[in-house]
Each structure stands twice: as structure tokens, then as C-alpha cells.
PDB file of N, CA and C in Angstrom:
ATOM      1  N   MET A   1     100.317  73.960-240.742  1.00  0.00           N
ATOM      2  CA  MET A   1      98.839  73.776-241.057  1.00  0.00           C
ATOM      3  C   MET A   1      97.834  74.264-240.018  1.00  0.00           C
ATOM      4  N   ASN A   2      96.964  75.076-240.573  1.00  0.00           N
ATOM      5  CA  ASN A   2      95.882  75.691-239.614  1.00  0.00           C
ATOM      6  C   ASN A   2      95.062  74.811-239.217  1.00  0.00           C
ATOM      7  N   LYS A   3      94.412  75.108-238.142  1.00  0.00           N
ATOM      8  CA  LYS A   3      93.386  74.101-237.346  1.00  0.00           C
ATOM      9  C   LYS A   3      92.166  73.911-238.188  1.00  0.00           C
ATOM     10  N   HIS A   4      91.871  74.809-239.308  1.00  0.00           N
ATOM     11  CA  HIS A   4      90.677  74.459-240.128  1.00  0.00           C
ATOM     12  C   HIS A   4      91.106  73.207-241.238  1.00  0.00           C
ATOM     13  N   ALA A   5      92.328  73.123-241.287  1.00  0.00           N
ATOM     14  CA  ALA A   5      92.739  72.292-242.324  1.00  0.00           C
ATOM     15  C   ALA A   5      92.565  71.129-241.579  1.00  0.00           C
ATOM     16  N   VAL A   6      92.911  70.740-240.433  1.00  0.00           N
ATOM     17  CA  VAL A   6      92.943  69.494-239.802  1.00  0.00           C
ATOM     18  C   VAL A   6      91.432  69.107-239.573  1.00  0.00           C
ATOM     19  N   LEU A   7      90.616  69.919-239.430  1.00  0.00           N
ATOM     20  CA  LEU A   7      89.153  69.571-239.411  1.00  0.00           C
ATOM     21  C   LEU A   7      88.384  68.870-240.720  1.00  0.00           C
ATOM     22  N   HIS A   8      89.197  69.614-241.947  1.00  0.00           N
ATOM     23  CA  HIS A   8      88.899  69.100-243.392  1.00  0.00           C
ATOM     24  C   HIS A   8      89.350  68.010-243.723  1.00  0.00           C
ATOM     25  N   ASN A   9      90.327  67.553-243.111  1.00  0.00           N
ATOM     26  CA  ASN A   9      90.835  66.051-243.261  1.00  0.00           C
ATOM     27  C   ASN A   9      90.419  64.855-242.501  1.00  0.00           C
ATOM     28  N   TRP A  10      89.201  65.219-241.461  1.00  0.00           N
ATOM     29  CA  TRP A  10      88.592  64.216-240.845  1.00  0.00           C
ATOM     30  C   TRP A  10      87.735  63.616-241.898  1.00  0.00           C
ATOM     31  N   THR A  11      87.585  62.346-241.488  1.00  0.00           N
ATOM     32  CA  THR A  11      86.374  61.685-242.282  1.00  0.00           C
ATOM     33  C   THR A  11      85.034  61.455-241.408  1.00  0.00           C
ATOM     34  N   ARG A  12      84.202  61.574-242.146  1.00  0.00           N
ATOM     35  CA  ARG A  12      82.804  61.949-241.565  1.00  0.00           C
ATOM     36  C   ARG A  12      82.778  60.563-240.443  1.00  0.00           C
ATOM     37  N   ARG A  13      83.400  59.620-240.371  1.00  0.00           N
ATOM     38  CA  ARG A  13      83.392  58.666-239.412  1.00  0.00           C
ATOM     39  C   ARG A  13      83.984  59.124-237.857  1.00  0.00           C
ATOM     40  N   GLN A  14      85.316  59.771-238.219  1.00  0.00           N
ATOM     41  CA  GLN A  14      86.007  60.211-237.521  1.00  0.00           C
ATOM     42  C   GLN A  14      85.286  61.309-236.518  1.00  0.00           C
ATOM     43  N   PHE A  15      84.748  62.181-237.219  1.00  0.00           N
ATOM     44  CA  PHE A  15      84.027  63.198-236.709  1.00  0.00           C
ATOM     45  C   PHE A  15      82.960  62.759-235.956  1.00  0.00           C
ATOM     46  N   MET A  16      81.870  61.951-236.536  1.00  0.00           N
ATOM     47  CA  MET A  16      81.053  61.384-235.917  1.00  0.00           C
ATOM     48  C   MET A  16      81.528  60.459-234.449  1.00  0.00           C
ATOM     49  N   THR A  17      82.257  59.746-234.433  1.00  0.00           N
ATOM     50  CA  THR A  17      83.227  59.343-233.176  1.00  0.00           C
ATOM     51  C   THR A  17      83.367  60.156-232.271  1.00  0.00           C
ATOM     52  N   ALA A  18      84.134  61.337-232.538  1.00  0.00           N
ATOM     53  CA  ALA A  18      84.496  62.242-231.823  1.00  0.00           C
ATOM     54  C   ALA A  18      83.288  63.125-231.062  1.00  0.00           C
ATOM     55  N   LEU A  19      82.253  63.292-232.019  1.00  0.00           N
ATOM     56  CA  LEU A  19      80.876  64.176-231.503  1.00  0.00           C
ATOM     57  C   LEU A  19      80.537  63.967-230.340  1.00  0.00           C
ATOM     58  N   PRO A  20      80.301  62.388-229.754  1.00  0.00           N
ATOM     59  CA  PRO A  20      79.915  62.378-228.385  1.00  0.00           C
ATOM     60  C   PRO A  20      80.817  62.880-227.240  1.00  0.00           C
ATOM     61  N   ALA A  21      82.096  62.748-227.410  1.00  0.00           N
ATOM     62  CA  ALA A  21      83.108  63.227-226.401  1.00  0.00           C
ATOM     63  C   ALA A  21      83.375  64.862-226.232  1.00  0.00           C
ATOM     64  N   ILE A  22      83.048  65.413-227.584  1.00  0.00           N
ATOM     65  CA  ILE A  22      83.098  66.845-227.529  1.00  0.00           C
ATOM     66  C   ILE A  22      81.886  67.330-226.823  1.00  0.00           C
ATOM     67  N   GLY A  23      80.462  66.830-227.187  1.00  0.00           N
ATOM     68  CA  GLY A  23      79.482  67.075-226.155  1.00  0.00           C
ATOM     69  C   GLY A  23      79.910  66.870-224.780  1.00  0.00           C
ATOM     70  N   LEU A  24      80.110  65.859-224.491  1.00  0.00           N
ATOM     71  CA  LEU A  24      80.178  65.556-222.877  1.00  0.00           C
ATOM     72  C   LEU A  24      81.237  66.505-222.504  1.00  0.00           C
ATOM     73  N   ALA A  25      82.187  67.008-223.052  1.00  0.00           N
ATOM     74  CA  ALA A  25      83.337  67.891-222.697  1.00  0.00           C
ATOM     75  C   ALA A  25      82.488  69.144-222.351  1.00  0.00           C
ATOM     76  N   ALA A  26      81.808  69.647-223.035  1.00  0.00           N
ATOM     77  CA  ALA A  26      80.834  70.802-223.221  1.00  0.00           C
ATOM     78  C   ALA A  26      79.826  70.771-222.051  1.00  0.00           C
ATOM     79  N   TRP A  27      79.161  69.598-222.119  1.00  0.00           N
ATOM     80  CA  TRP A  27      78.273  69.535-220.970  1.00  0.00           C
ATOM     81  C   TRP A  27      78.552  69.495-219.544  1.00  0.00           C
ATOM     82  N   SER A  28      79.763  68.762-219.483  1.00  0.00           N
ATOM     83  CA  SER A  28      80.356  68.629-218.094  1.00  0.00           C
ATOM     84  C   SER A  28      81.319  69.799-217.565  1.00  0.00           C
ATOM     85  N   ALA A  29      81.447  70.738-218.615  1.00  0.00           N
ATOM     86  CA  ALA A  29      82.164  71.923-218.056  1.00  0.00           C
ATOM     87  C   ALA A  29      81.501  72.678-217.025  1.00  0.00           C
ATOM     88  N   PRO A  30      82.270  73.278-216.050  1.00  0.00           N
ATOM     89  CA  PRO A  30      81.427  74.056-215.146  1.00  0.00           C
ATOM     90  C   PRO A  30      80.777  75.224-215.449  1.00  0.00           C
ATOM     91  N   VAL A  31      79.662  75.622-215.172  1.00  0.00           N
ATOM     92  CA  VAL A  31      79.164  76.856-215.913  1.00  0.00           C
ATOM     93  C   VAL A  31      79.217  77.826-214.638  1.00  0.00           C
ATOM     94  N   ARG A  32      79.547  78.798-214.778  1.00  0.00           N
ATOM     95  CA  ARG A  32      79.853  80.114-213.760  1.00  0.00           C
ATOM     96  C   ARG A  32      79.023  81.159-214.201  1.00  0.00           C
ATOM     97  N   ALA A  33      78.496  81.636-213.222  1.00  0.00           N
ATOM     98  CA  ALA A  33      77.377  82.637-213.381  1.00  0.00           C
ATOM     99  C   ALA A  33      78.047  84.130-213.749  1.00  0.00           C
ATOM    100  N   ASP A  34      77.683  84.602-214.793  1.00  0.00           N
ATOM    101  CA  ASP A  34      78.098  86.014-215.292  1.00  0.00           C
ATOM    102  C   ASP A  34      77.792  87.218-214.416  1.00  0.00           C
ATOM    103  N   ALA A  35      76.556  86.956-213.691  1.00  0.00           N
ATOM    104  CA  ALA A  35      76.296  88.169-212.587  1.00  0.00           C
ATOM    105  C   ALA A  35      75.197  87.902-212.052  1.00  0.00           C
ATOM    106  N   LEU A  36      74.800  88.575-210.948  1.00  0.00           N
ATOM    107  CA  LEU A  36      73.692  88.370-210.091  1.00  0.00           C
ATOM    108  C   LEU A  36      72.471  88.471-210.757  1.00  0.00           C
ATOM    109  N   LEU A  37      71.351  87.831-210.734  1.00  0.00           N
ATOM    110  CA  LEU A  37      70.217  88.176-211.124  1.00  0.00           C
ATOM    111  C   LEU A  37      69.501  89.438-210.659  1.00  0.00           C
ATOM    112  N   LYS A  38      69.117  90.161-211.699  1.00  0.00           N
ATOM    113  CA  LYS A  38      68.451  91.437-210.976  1.00  0.00           C
ATOM    114  C   LYS A  38      66.960  91.335-211.210  1.00  0.00           C
ATOM    115  N   GLU A  39      66.111  91.623-210.009  1.00  0.00           N
ATOM    116  CA  GLU A  39      64.760  91.775-210.106  1.00  0.00           C
ATOM    117  C   GLU A  39      63.987  92.192-211.312  1.00  0.00           C
ATOM    118  N   THR A  40      64.821  92.927-212.258  1.00  0.00           N
ATOM    119  CA  THR A  40      64.188  93.809-213.335  1.00  0.00           C
ATOM    120  C   THR A  40      64.487  93.199-214.570  1.00  0.00           C
ATOM    121  N   ASP A  41      65.303  91.980-214.493  1.00  0.00           N
ATOM    122  CA  ASP A  41      65.472  91.029-215.581  1.00  0.00           C
ATOM    123  C   ASP A  41      64.385  90.230-216.080  1.00  0.00           C
ATOM    124  N   GLN A  42      64.352  90.029-217.281  1.00  0.00           N
ATOM    125  CA  GLN A  42      63.239  89.645-217.796  1.00  0.00           C
ATOM    126  C   GLN A  42      62.876  88.319-217.500  1.00  0.00           C
ATOM    127  N   GLU A  43      63.832  87.325-217.110  1.00  0.00           N
ATOM    128  CA  GLU A  43      63.391  85.996-216.517  1.00  0.00           C
ATOM    129  C   GLU A  43      63.316  85.954-215.110  1.00  0.00           C
ATOM    130  N   ALA A  44      63.554  87.078-214.463  1.00  0.00           N
ATOM    131  CA  ALA A  44      63.187  87.268-213.166  1.00  0.00           C
ATOM    132  C   ALA A  44      61.783  87.802-212.953  1.00  0.00           C
ATOM    133  N   LEU A  45      61.243  88.599-213.549  1.00  0.00           N
ATOM    134  CA  LEU A  45      59.913  89.134-213.896  1.00  0.00           C
ATOM    135  C   LEU A  45      59.101  87.927-214.117  1.00  0.00           C
ATOM    136  N   ALA A  46      59.472  87.205-215.127  1.00  0.00           N
ATOM    137  CA  ALA A  46      58.489  86.064-215.297  1.00  0.00           C
ATOM    138  C   ALA A  46      58.444  84.936-214.190  1.00  0.00           C
ATOM    139  N   MET A  47      59.382  85.045-213.243  1.00  0.00           N
ATOM    140  CA  MET A  47      59.013  84.174-212.401  1.00  0.00           C
ATOM    141  C   MET A  47      59.084  84.613-210.822  1.00  0.00           C
ATOM    142  N   ASP A  48      58.759  85.699-210.991  1.00  0.00           N
ATOM    143  CA  ASP A  48      58.221  86.580-209.860  1.00  0.00           C
ATOM    144  C   ASP A  48      59.346  86.575-208.848  1.00  0.00           C
ATOM    145  N   TYR A  49      60.821  86.671-209.050  1.00  0.00           N
ATOM    146  CA  TYR A  49      61.914  86.496-208.173  1.00  0.00           C
ATOM    147  C   TYR A  49      61.950  87.846-207.484  1.00  0.00           C
ATOM    148  N   HIS A  50      62.478  87.792-206.174  1.00  0.00           N
ATOM    149  CA  HIS A  50      62.511  88.814-205.468  1.00  0.00           C
ATOM    150  C   HIS A  50      63.846  88.283-204.703  1.00  0.00           C
ATOM    151  N   ALA A  51      64.931  89.283-204.502  1.00  0.00           N
ATOM    152  CA  ALA A  51      66.321  89.377-204.286  1.00  0.00           C
ATOM    153  C   ALA A  51      66.290  89.186-202.605  1.00  0.00           C
ATOM    154  N   ASP A  52      65.097  89.548-201.905  1.00  0.00           N
ATOM    155  CA  ASP A  52      64.897  89.388-200.663  1.00  0.00           C
ATOM    156  C   ASP A  52      63.426  89.026-200.364  1.00  0.00           C
ATOM    157  N   ALA A  53      63.489  87.880-199.872  1.00  0.00           N
ATOM    158  CA  ALA A  53      62.101  87.229-199.564  1.00  0.00           C
ATOM    159  C   ALA A  53      61.470  87.878-198.563  1.00  0.00           C
ATOM    160  N   ALA A  54      62.032  88.479-197.495  1.00  0.00           N
ATOM    161  CA  ALA A  54      61.361  89.204-196.489  1.00  0.00           C
ATOM    162  C   ALA A  54      60.500  90.249-197.274  1.00  0.00           C
ATOM    163  N   LYS A  55      61.066  90.694-198.427  1.00  0.00           N
ATOM    164  CA  LYS A  55      59.929  91.769-199.123  1.00  0.00           C
ATOM    165  C   LYS A  55      58.926  91.607-199.809  1.00  0.00           C
ATOM    166  N   VAL A  56      59.024  90.102-200.008  1.00  0.00           N
ATOM    167  CA  VAL A  56      57.863  89.536-200.998  1.00  0.00           C
ATOM    168  C   VAL A  56      56.271  89.830-200.317  1.00  0.00           C
ATOM    169  N   ASP A  57      55.572  90.448-201.280  1.00  0.00           N
ATOM    170  CA  ASP A  57      54.113  91.067-200.674  1.00  0.00           C
ATOM    171  C   ASP A  57      53.446  89.479-200.831  1.00  0.00           C
ATOM    172  N   ALA A  58      52.782  89.084-199.759  1.00  0.00           N
ATOM    173  CA  ALA A  58      52.053  87.529-200.213  1.00  0.00           C
ATOM    174  C   ALA A  58      50.713  87.796-200.743  1.00  0.00           C
ATOM    175  N   ALA A  59      50.135  88.989-200.895  1.00  0.00           N
ATOM    176  CA  ALA A  59      49.227  89.060-201.354  1.00  0.00           C
ATOM    177  C   ALA A  59      49.124  89.320-203.236  1.00  0.00           C
ATOM    178  N   LYS A  60      50.314  89.722-203.506  1.00  0.00           N
ATOM    179  CA  LYS A  60      50.893  89.762-204.823  1.00  0.00           C
ATOM    180  C   LYS A  60      51.453  88.407-205.445  1.00  0.00           C
ATOM    181  N   SER A  61      51.901  87.462-204.506  1.00  0.00           N
ATOM    182  CA  SER A  61      52.649  86.288-204.770  1.00  0.00           C
ATOM    183  C   SER A  61      51.866  85.278-203.603  1.00  0.00           C
ATOM    184  N   PRO A  62      50.909  84.864-204.099  1.00  0.00           N
ATOM    185  CA  PRO A  62      50.307  83.833-203.488  1.00  0.00           C
ATOM    186  C   PRO A  62      51.024  82.721-203.070  1.00  0.00           C
ATOM    187  N   LYS A  63      51.886  82.117-203.875  1.00  0.00           N
ATOM    188  CA  LYS A  63      52.625  80.826-203.699  1.00  0.00           C
ATOM    189  C   LYS A  63      53.742  81.102-202.650  1.00  0.00           C
ATOM    190  N   TYR A  64      54.094  82.349-202.273  1.00  0.00           N
ATOM    191  CA  TYR A  64      55.012  82.491-201.063  1.00  0.00           C
ATOM    192  C   TYR A  64      54.459  82.076-199.545  1.00  0.00           C
ATOM    193  N   LYS A  65      55.394  81.513-199.266  1.00  0.00           N
ATOM    194  CA  LYS A  65      55.131  81.078-197.624  1.00  0.00           C
ATOM    195  C   LYS A  65      56.292  81.576-196.893  1.00  0.00           C
ATOM    196  N   PRO A  66      56.023  82.242-195.571  1.00  0.00           N
ATOM    197  CA  PRO A  66      57.198  82.600-194.924  1.00  0.00           C
ATOM    198  C   PRO A  66      58.475  81.681-194.571  1.00  0.00           C
ATOM    199  N   GLY A  67      59.521  81.849-194.575  1.00  0.00           N
ATOM    200  CA  GLY A  67      60.409  80.947-194.613  1.00  0.00           C
ATOM    201  C   GLY A  67      61.251  80.368-195.754  1.00  0.00           C
ATOM    202  N   GLN A  68      60.498  80.440-196.926  1.00  0.00           N
ATOM    203  CA  GLN A  68      61.041  80.009-198.139  1.00  0.00           C
ATOM    204  C   GLN A  68      61.806  80.850-198.535  1.00  0.00           C
ATOM    205  N   THR A  69      63.208  80.615-198.927  1.00  0.00           N
ATOM    206  CA  THR A  69      64.082  81.173-199.509  1.00  0.00           C
ATOM    207  C   THR A  69      64.996  80.349-200.682  1.00  0.00           C
ATOM    208  N   CYS A  70      65.850  81.074-201.258  1.00  0.00           N
ATOM    209  CA  CYS A  70      66.482  80.307-202.275  1.00  0.00           C
ATOM    210  C   CYS A  70      67.352  79.424-201.830  1.00  0.00           C
ATOM    211  N   THR A  71      67.748  79.288-200.375  1.00  0.00           N
ATOM    212  CA  THR A  71      68.871  78.651-199.557  1.00  0.00           C
ATOM    213  C   THR A  71      68.184  77.165-199.312  1.00  0.00           C
ATOM    214  N   ASN A  72      66.744  77.374-199.213  1.00  0.00           N
ATOM    215  CA  ASN A  72      65.982  76.040-198.959  1.00  0.00           C
ATOM    216  C   ASN A  72      65.365  75.327-200.087  1.00  0.00           C
ATOM    217  N   CYS A  73      65.841  76.026-201.399  1.00  0.00           N
ATOM    218  CA  CYS A  73      65.015  75.377-202.505  1.00  0.00           C
ATOM    219  C   CYS A  73      65.864  74.340-203.153  1.00  0.00           C
ATOM    220  N   ALA A  74      65.256  73.352-203.754  1.00  0.00           N
ATOM    221  CA  ALA A  74      65.787  72.455-204.438  1.00  0.00           C
ATOM    222  C   ALA A  74      66.300  72.673-205.534  1.00  0.00           C
ATOM    223  N   LEU A  75      66.089  74.210-206.011  1.00  0.00           N
ATOM    224  CA  LEU A  75      66.867  74.273-207.609  1.00  0.00           C
ATOM    225  C   LEU A  75      68.086  75.412-207.185  1.00  0.00           C
ATOM    226  N   TYR A  76      68.315  75.490-205.959  1.00  0.00           N
ATOM    227  CA  TYR A  76      69.278  76.329-205.578  1.00  0.00           C
ATOM    228  C   TYR A  76      70.656  75.480-205.363  1.00  0.00           C
ATOM    229  N   PHE A  77      71.641  76.016-205.643  1.00  0.00           N
ATOM    230  CA  PHE A  77      73.200  75.111-205.665  1.00  0.00           C
ATOM    231  C   PHE A  77      74.294  76.041-205.421  1.00  0.00           C
ATOM    232  N   GLY A  78      73.794  76.911-204.355  1.00  0.00           N
ATOM    233  CA  GLY A  78      75.000  77.846-203.678  1.00  0.00           C
ATOM    234  C   GLY A  78      75.643  77.195-202.687  1.00  0.00           C
ATOM    235  N   ASP A  79      76.874  77.466-202.192  1.00  0.00           N
ATOM    236  CA  ASP A  79      77.643  76.999-201.070  1.00  0.00           C
ATOM    237  C   ASP A  79      77.168  77.665-199.714  1.00  0.00           C
ATOM    238  N   LYS A  80      77.058  76.825-198.817  1.00  0.00           N
ATOM    239  CA  LYS A  80      76.439  77.056-197.499  1.00  0.00           C
ATOM    240  C   LYS A  80      77.127  78.155-197.146  1.00  0.00           C
ATOM    241  N   GLY A  81      76.145  79.252-196.681  1.00  0.00           N
ATOM    242  CA  GLY A  81      76.793  80.476-195.894  1.00  0.00           C
ATOM    243  C   GLY A  81      77.050  81.588-197.036  1.00  0.00           C
ATOM    244  N   ALA A  82      77.052  81.142-198.559  1.00  0.00           N
ATOM    245  CA  ALA A  82      77.331  82.259-199.457  1.00  0.00           C
ATOM    246  C   ALA A  82      76.281  83.174-199.375  1.00  0.00           C
ATOM    247  N   ALA A  83      76.417  84.298-199.639  1.00  0.00           N
ATOM    248  CA  ALA A  83      75.617  85.440-200.169  1.00  0.00           C
ATOM    249  C   ALA A  83      74.572  85.149-201.253  1.00  0.00           C
ATOM    250  N   SER A  84      75.210  84.613-202.484  1.00  0.00           N
ATOM    251  CA  SER A  84      74.322  83.951-203.278  1.00  0.00           C
ATOM    252  C   SER A  84      74.998  82.557-203.971  1.00  0.00           C
ATOM    253  N   GLY A  85      74.421  82.368-204.989  1.00  0.00           N
ATOM    254  CA  GLY A  85      74.805  80.793-205.588  1.00  0.00           C
ATOM    255  C   GLY A  85      73.770  80.553-206.887  1.00  0.00           C
ATOM    256  N   ALA A  86      74.313  79.504-207.470  1.00  0.00           N
ATOM    257  CA  ALA A  86      73.652  79.028-208.800  1.00  0.00           C
ATOM    258  C   ALA A  86      72.122  78.615-208.486  1.00  0.00           C
ATOM    259  N   CYS A  87      71.416  78.710-209.571  1.00  0.00           N
ATOM    260  CA  CYS A  87      69.905  78.226-209.538  1.00  0.00           C
ATOM    261  C   CYS A  87      69.966  77.698-211.132  1.00  0.00           C
ATOM    262  N   SER A  88      69.300  76.386-210.839  1.00  0.00           N
ATOM    263  CA  SER A  88      69.087  75.680-212.052  1.00  0.00           C
ATOM    264  C   SER A  88      67.989  76.352-212.981  1.00  0.00           C
ATOM    265  N   LEU A  89      67.586  77.124-212.539  1.00  0.00           N
ATOM    266  CA  LEU A  89      66.208  77.737-213.105  1.00  0.00           C
ATOM    267  C   LEU A  89      66.635  79.104-213.898  1.00  0.00           C
ATOM    268  N   PHE A  90      67.893  79.830-213.478  1.00  0.00           N
ATOM    269  CA  PHE A  90      68.520  81.057-214.105  1.00  0.00           C
ATOM    270  C   PHE A  90      69.541  80.683-214.674  1.00  0.00           C
ATOM    271  N   MET A  91      69.725  79.935-215.758  1.00  0.00           N
ATOM    272  CA  MET A  91      71.192  79.702-215.983  1.00  0.00           C
ATOM    273  C   MET A  91      71.929  80.776-216.461  1.00  0.00           C
ATOM    274  N   GLY A  92      73.289  81.089-215.794  1.00  0.00           N
ATOM    275  CA  GLY A  92      74.175  81.792-216.066  1.00  0.00           C
ATOM    276  C   GLY A  92      74.313  82.843-215.315  1.00  0.00           C
ATOM    277  N   LYS A  93      73.163  83.068-214.307  1.00  0.00           N
ATOM    278  CA  LYS A  93      73.311  84.047-213.037  1.00  0.00           C
ATOM    279  C   LYS A  93      72.921  83.456-212.019  1.00  0.00           C
ATOM    280  N   ASP A  94      73.726  84.038-211.026  1.00  0.00           N
ATOM    281  CA  ASP A  94      73.379  83.589-209.555  1.00  0.00           C
ATOM    282  C   ASP A  94      72.271  84.406-209.050  1.00  0.00           C
ATOM    283  N   VAL A  95      71.508  83.786-207.993  1.00  0.00           N
ATOM    284  CA  VAL A  95      70.704  84.398-207.040  1.00  0.00           C
ATOM    285  C   VAL A  95      71.162  84.720-205.782  1.00  0.00           C
ATOM    286  N   THR A  96      70.502  85.396-205.077  1.00  0.00           N
ATOM    287  CA  THR A  96      70.654  85.734-203.667  1.00  0.00           C
ATOM    288  C   THR A  96      70.270  84.491-202.713  1.00  0.00           C
ATOM    289  N   ALA A  97      70.967  84.155-201.996  1.00  0.00           N
ATOM    290  CA  ALA A  97      70.641  83.162-200.856  1.00  0.00           C
ATOM    291  C   ALA A  97      69.261  83.360-200.112  1.00  0.00           C
ATOM    292  N   ILE A  98      68.977  84.519-199.955  1.00  0.00           N
ATOM    293  CA  ILE A  98      67.825  85.119-199.170  1.00  0.00           C
ATOM    294  C   ILE A  98      66.726  85.493-200.161  1.00  0.00           C
ATOM    295  N   GLY A  99      66.851  85.060-201.413  1.00  0.00           N
ATOM    296  CA  GLY A  99      65.788  85.329-202.487  1.00  0.00           C
ATOM    297  C   GLY A  99      64.738  84.478-202.497  1.00  0.00           C
ATOM    298  N   TRP A 100      63.854  84.746-203.397  1.00  0.00           N
ATOM    299  CA  TRP A 100      62.533  83.831-203.582  1.00  0.00           C
ATOM    300  C   TRP A 100      62.192  84.019-205.108  1.00  0.00           C
ATOM    301  N   CYS A 101      61.457  82.808-205.329  1.00  0.00           N
ATOM    302  CA  CYS A 101      60.651  83.029-207.012  1.00  0.00           C
ATOM    303  C   CYS A 101      59.842  81.814-206.744  1.00  0.00           C
ATOM    304  N   ASN A 102      58.690  81.997-207.658  1.00  0.00           N
ATOM    305  CA  ASN A 102      57.456  81.250-207.640  1.00  0.00           C
ATOM    306  C   ASN A 102      57.742  79.751-208.168  1.00  0.00           C
ATOM    307  N   ALA A 103      58.918  79.484-208.356  1.00  0.00           N
ATOM    308  CA  ALA A 103      59.450  78.248-208.764  1.00  0.00           C
ATOM    309  C   ALA A 103      59.760  77.499-207.342  1.00  0.00           C
ATOM    310  N   TRP A 104      59.915  77.709-206.333  1.00  0.00           N
ATOM    311  CA  TRP A 104      60.276  77.314-205.031  1.00  0.00           C
ATOM    312  C   TRP A 104      60.123  76.122-204.831  1.00  0.00           C
ATOM    313  N   GLU A 105      60.836  75.175-204.495  1.00  0.00           N
ATOM    314  CA  GLU A 105      60.597  73.767-204.168  1.00  0.00           C
ATOM    315  C   GLU A 105      61.571  73.602-202.936  1.00  0.00           C
ATOM    316  N   PRO A 106      60.905  72.632-202.210  1.00  0.00           N
ATOM    317  CA  PRO A 106      61.664  72.157-200.898  1.00  0.00           C
ATOM    318  C   PRO A 106      62.647  71.277-201.001  1.00  0.00           C
ATOM    319  N   LYS A 107      63.778  71.338-200.372  1.00  0.00           N
ATOM    320  CA  LYS A 107      64.830  70.305-200.480  1.00  0.00           C
ATOM    321  C   LYS A 107      64.384  69.076-200.075  1.00  0.00           C
TER     322      LYS A 107
END
């Protein structure tokens, strides 16, 4: 019996009962970044992302304040001391710990 035959034998009630568990498993699965976000990526350009906050031109990025980096941003979930980590804003890509974007929020 192939896997598709098993699904075809499910009743609508069985499927609807299993659906929340399937969704929860997918939602709770760890998401790992495929790559490091590049400053030239479309989503990075939209958020004025800079891989190195020390190189941010304050005249072009008026939201930037010295000392703001991804490490001290509420959206950053990298491990302490790591060179990069996950950001809830850029799903599927890591950002540099020393980076910055205009969505920066204090922890």
C-alpha cells in the first residue's frame, strides 16, 4: 500500500482531527537559516540592512544611533558571542551580530 492510498482512506473527521497536530509540528519545527543575509538582497534593501553597523551613514539612515547592533536588538535571536544569528524579521536567513537595520528595537 502506498502512502497516498493511506491518505485516501482517511475520513474527513480523521483528517480534520489530525490537522492541528500536523500544523503544530510544522510550526514548532526549528527553522534554520539557509544563508547569511546580504546587503544586496531585496529584503535587506527594503529594511536598510547593513552587515556592519559601524559603516552606517547616519545621514542616509536617520533612525540609526551609535551602539545599535543586531546583538542588542529585540528581533535578534543569535547565540551570545556568535558572529551571526537568526532575526525574526528576515525569516530563513541569518544576520551578522554587528549588523543593523531600520527595524532595530531595544531588548
